[in-house]
Amino acid sequence: MFILKRQDVEITSITHPKRDQKIPILNYQGQTFRLINVFKAEQAEEARAFWRDLTDNHGKACVLLEEPDRYSVWGKIRLDQLASEDSKEDETVTYACIQGCLLLVQAVYFDVEDLLGNRQAKSFQKDFSKVLKGKNFPDIDSADTIKALLTDDPLTKLQLPSWREVHLYTLLQEVHRLGEEYFGNSNFAEGIDEILEPMANPERTQFMAWLNQFPEGKKWAVK
């Protein structure tokens, strides 16, 4: 939607109506935007690709803010509807969506471990960690937490992170990219029905419907 400089906008913060936390708000020409993601100065191409994907493929009204030391992406929001917007998004990204995404991620990780060996599995874990930290995923506070995402059962054992829909877009996109790098093609983690078999039928149906809504998901849904 817009690519702006710091001098073009005003950035303030408000208190979330339902949570005890401050939310950064970008103001531009009477419109308000909420922070979605932050990138380092050297991640200019990644920031633009992330912004362009949200605007072109997902129909999101977004601002890409260019600053000397970082790039940030902001999504349009009406402040008087902040609580309801959050509720709507929380309904969209259910536990089933997070569980399903983690099952797909783990399938790639276990394929790397089984087919390419322990050394490559450790390398994948490091690359996965770089993705989560580089994209500023919440609830990622230690190496053990990241390893648990790759190894603990998300249906029973794992405490699920509080990720938003935009985090799941990024997760599926980046892990698919890693899979192609490790295997040299996109024929990894085949058989999505088998991967998702542990999920209860209603949650599996819900996740598949969500997965088929956007390009990153369709890369997996055709497996």
Protein backbone atom coordinates (compact mmCIF):
# COMPACT_ATOMS: atom_id res chain seq x y z
CA MET A 1 0.00 0.00 0.00
CA PHE A 2 2.61 2.58 1.12
CA ILE A 3 6.38 2.72 1.45
CA LEU A 4 7.15 5.55 3.87
CA LYS A 5 10.05 7.22 5.67
CA ARG A 6 10.17 7.97 9.39
CA GLN A 7 9.60 11.68 8.82
CA ASP A 8 6.35 10.89 6.96
CA VAL A 9 4.62 9.35 9.95
CA GLU A 10 3.90 9.74 13.64
CA ILE A 11 4.42 6.77 15.93
CA THR A 12 2.70 6.60 19.30
CA SER A 13 1.47 3.82 21.56
CA ILE A 14 -1.82 2.90 23.19
CA THR A 15 -2.81 0.46 25.91
CA HIS A 16 -4.55 -2.65 24.60
CA PRO A 17 -8.20 -2.62 25.73
CA LYS A 18 -8.09 -6.28 26.78
CA ARG A 19 -4.48 -6.81 27.81
CA ASP A 20 -2.01 -4.97 30.00
CA GLN A 21 0.40 -4.08 27.23
CA LYS A 22 1.39 -1.12 25.07
CA ILE A 23 0.79 -1.35 21.33
CA PRO A 24 2.84 0.74 18.85
CA ILE A 25 0.58 2.69 16.48
CA LEU A 26 1.68 4.40 13.27
CA ASN A 27 -0.35 7.39 12.11
CA TYR A 28 -0.32 8.50 8.48
CA GLN A 29 -2.77 10.94 6.87
CA GLY A 30 -5.51 10.17 9.36
CA GLN A 31 -5.05 6.40 9.06
CA THR A 32 -3.75 4.15 11.84
CA PHE A 33 -1.56 1.07 11.50
CA ARG A 34 -0.45 -1.58 13.98
CA LEU A 35 3.06 -3.09 14.03
CA ILE A 36 3.23 -6.52 12.42
CA ASN A 37 6.93 -7.27 11.99
CA VAL A 38 10.40 -5.70 12.25
CA PHE A 39 13.46 -6.39 10.09
CA LYS A 40 17.11 -5.42 10.48
CA ALA A 41 18.69 -2.84 8.16
CA GLU A 42 20.39 -5.56 6.11
CA GLN A 43 17.06 -7.36 5.58
CA ALA A 44 15.69 -4.81 3.10
CA GLU A 45 14.77 -7.38 0.46
CA GLU A 46 13.07 -9.64 2.99
CA ALA A 47 11.10 -6.73 4.40
CA ARG A 48 9.88 -5.65 0.97
CA ALA A 49 8.98 -9.23 0.01
CA PHE A 50 7.05 -9.69 3.27
CA TRP A 51 5.20 -6.39 2.76
CA ARG A 52 4.46 -7.14 -0.89
CA ASP A 53 3.19 -10.63 -0.07
CA LEU A 54 0.73 -9.27 2.50
CA THR A 55 -0.55 -6.57 0.16
CA ASP A 56 -0.61 -8.50 -3.13
CA ASN A 57 -1.48 -12.04 -2.02
CA HIS A 58 -3.47 -11.49 1.15
CA GLY A 59 -5.20 -8.20 0.44
CA LYS A 60 -3.83 -6.56 3.58
CA ALA A 61 -3.57 -2.75 3.77
CA CYS A 62 0.02 -2.34 4.97
CA VAL A 63 2.77 0.24 5.37
CA LEU A 64 6.45 -0.53 4.88
CA LEU A 65 8.41 1.93 7.00
CA GLU A 66 12.02 2.49 5.96
CA GLU A 67 14.37 3.73 8.68
CA PRO A 68 18.19 3.95 8.73
CA ASP A 69 18.56 1.08 11.21
CA ARG A 70 15.55 -1.10 10.42
CA TYR A 71 12.48 -1.81 8.33
CA SER A 72 9.04 -2.41 9.78
CA VAL A 73 5.69 -3.55 8.41
CA TRP A 74 2.43 -2.16 9.80
CA GLY A 75 -1.14 -3.31 9.15
CA LYS A 76 -4.10 -0.93 8.96
CA ILE A 77 -6.45 -0.99 11.93
CA ARG A 78 -9.26 1.10 13.38
CA LEU A 79 -8.52 1.91 16.99
CA ASP A 80 -12.18 1.86 18.01
CA GLN A 81 -12.36 -1.71 16.75
CA LEU A 82 -9.05 -2.94 18.18
CA ALA A 83 -10.68 -5.33 20.64
CA SER A 84 -13.05 -6.78 18.06
CA GLU A 85 -10.30 -7.00 15.45
CA ASP A 86 -8.18 -8.99 17.87
CA SER A 87 -11.11 -11.24 18.67
CA LYS A 88 -11.75 -11.84 15.00
CA GLU A 89 -8.12 -12.70 14.36
CA ASP A 90 -7.96 -14.95 17.40
CA GLU A 91 -10.91 -16.89 16.00
CA THR A 92 -9.21 -17.16 12.61
CA VAL A 93 -5.96 -18.48 14.01
CA THR A 94 -7.21 -21.26 16.22
CA TYR A 95 -5.09 -23.79 18.07
CA ALA A 96 -5.83 -26.15 15.16
CA CYS A 97 -4.02 -23.84 12.74
CA ILE A 98 -0.96 -23.59 14.96
CA GLN A 99 -0.98 -27.34 15.62
CA GLY A 100 -1.33 -28.16 11.94
CA CYS A 101 1.52 -25.84 10.95
CA LEU A 102 3.80 -27.34 13.57
CA LEU A 103 2.99 -30.86 12.38
CA LEU A 104 4.10 -29.86 8.87
CA VAL A 105 7.26 -28.25 10.21
CA GLN A 106 8.08 -31.33 12.26
CA ALA A 107 7.51 -33.58 9.26
CA VAL A 108 10.22 -31.68 7.37
CA TYR A 109 12.58 -31.79 10.35
CA PHE A 110 12.12 -35.53 10.88
CA ASP A 111 12.61 -36.16 7.15
CA VAL A 112 15.90 -34.24 7.33
CA GLU A 113 16.96 -36.29 10.34
CA ASP A 114 15.93 -39.64 8.85
CA LEU A 115 17.15 -39.11 5.31
CA LEU A 116 20.09 -36.74 5.65
CA GLY A 117 21.43 -37.60 9.08
CA ASN A 118 21.93 -36.07 12.51
CA ARG A 119 24.42 -33.43 11.39
CA GLN A 120 21.98 -32.00 8.85
CA ALA A 121 19.19 -32.17 11.42
CA LYS A 122 21.24 -29.98 13.78
CA SER A 123 21.92 -27.60 10.91
CA PHE A 124 18.19 -27.43 10.13
CA GLN A 125 17.48 -26.67 13.77
CA LYS A 126 19.91 -23.73 13.63
CA ASP A 127 18.37 -22.43 10.41
CA PHE A 128 14.89 -22.79 11.90
CA SER A 129 16.04 -20.83 14.95
CA LYS A 130 17.39 -18.06 12.70
CA VAL A 131 14.00 -17.81 10.99
CA LEU A 132 12.09 -17.48 14.25
CA LYS A 133 14.50 -14.96 15.75
CA GLY A 134 15.04 -13.03 12.52
CA LYS A 135 11.30 -12.66 11.98
CA ASN A 136 10.73 -11.73 15.64
CA PHE A 137 8.36 -14.57 16.51
CA PRO A 138 6.89 -14.20 20.02
CA ASP A 139 7.26 -16.81 22.75
CA ILE A 140 10.73 -17.83 21.55
CA ASP A 141 12.88 -17.38 24.65
CA SER A 142 15.44 -20.19 24.51
CA ALA A 143 17.08 -22.89 22.42
CA ASP A 144 15.07 -25.49 24.34
CA THR A 145 11.84 -23.74 23.39
CA ILE A 146 12.79 -23.81 19.73
CA LYS A 147 13.83 -27.46 19.86
CA ALA A 148 10.51 -28.32 21.51
CA LEU A 149 8.69 -26.84 18.51
CA LEU A 150 10.50 -29.36 16.32
CA THR A 151 10.21 -32.42 18.54
CA ASP A 152 7.34 -32.22 21.06
CA ASP A 153 3.88 -33.36 20.04
CA PRO A 154 1.85 -30.16 19.37
CA LEU A 155 -1.40 -32.04 19.96
CA THR A 156 -0.65 -33.20 23.50
CA LYS A 157 2.75 -32.27 24.91
CA LEU A 158 3.78 -28.88 23.54
CA GLN A 159 2.63 -25.60 25.05
CA LEU A 160 1.51 -23.76 21.94
CA PRO A 161 2.96 -20.31 21.22
CA SER A 162 0.65 -17.31 20.91
CA TRP A 163 1.30 -16.76 17.20
CA ARG A 164 -0.86 -14.65 14.92
CA GLU A 165 -1.92 -15.47 11.38
CA VAL A 166 0.94 -13.46 9.89
CA HIS A 167 3.43 -15.59 11.86
CA LEU A 168 1.94 -18.77 10.38
CA TYR A 169 2.20 -17.33 6.85
CA THR A 170 5.87 -16.63 7.46
CA LEU A 171 6.49 -19.99 9.13
CA LEU A 172 5.09 -22.02 6.24
CA GLN A 173 6.89 -19.89 3.66
CA GLU A 174 10.28 -20.03 5.36
CA VAL A 175 10.18 -23.74 6.28
CA HIS A 176 9.13 -24.60 2.71
CA ARG A 177 12.16 -22.62 1.52
CA LEU A 178 14.40 -24.51 3.96
CA GLY A 179 12.98 -27.82 2.81
CA GLU A 180 13.82 -27.00 -0.80
CA GLU A 181 17.35 -26.00 0.21
CA TYR A 182 17.97 -29.23 2.14
CA PHE A 183 16.37 -31.66 -0.32
CA GLY A 184 16.99 -29.81 -3.58
CA ASN A 185 13.34 -29.99 -4.58
CA SER A 186 9.81 -29.54 -3.22
CA ASN A 187 9.05 -33.26 -2.91
CA PHE A 188 9.60 -33.34 0.85
CA ALA A 189 7.11 -34.06 3.63
CA GLU A 190 4.83 -35.77 1.15
CA GLY A 191 1.45 -37.11 2.15
CA ILE A 192 -0.18 -34.27 4.07
CA ASP A 193 -3.11 -36.52 4.99
CA GLU A 194 -0.72 -38.86 6.78
CA ILE A 195 1.08 -35.98 8.49
CA LEU A 196 -2.18 -34.55 9.81
CA GLU A 197 -3.72 -37.93 10.66
CA PRO A 198 -3.14 -37.51 14.44
CA MET A 199 -5.45 -34.47 14.45
CA ALA A 200 -9.12 -34.95 15.28
CA ASN A 201 -11.29 -34.76 12.16
CA PRO A 202 -12.98 -31.39 12.90
CA GLU A 203 -9.64 -29.68 13.63
CA ARG A 204 -8.01 -31.29 10.59
CA THR A 205 -10.84 -30.13 8.33
CA GLN A 206 -10.64 -26.64 9.80
CA PHE A 207 -6.88 -26.47 9.29
CA MET A 208 -7.05 -27.69 5.70
CA ALA A 209 -9.70 -25.10 4.87
CA TRP A 210 -7.48 -22.39 6.33
CA LEU A 211 -4.38 -23.78 4.60
CA ASN A 212 -5.98 -23.59 1.16
CA GLN A 213 -6.78 -19.90 1.46
CA PHE A 214 -3.35 -18.53 0.54
CA PRO A 215 -0.31 -19.34 -1.63
CA GLU A 216 2.02 -20.42 1.19
CA GLY A 217 -0.57 -22.94 2.33
CA LYS A 218 -1.31 -24.33 -1.11
CA LYS A 219 2.33 -25.30 -1.49
CA TRP A 220 1.69 -27.80 1.29
CA ALA A 221 -1.93 -28.68 0.66
CA VAL A 222 -1.16 -30.30 -2.69
CA LYS A 223 1.13 -32.86 -1.05
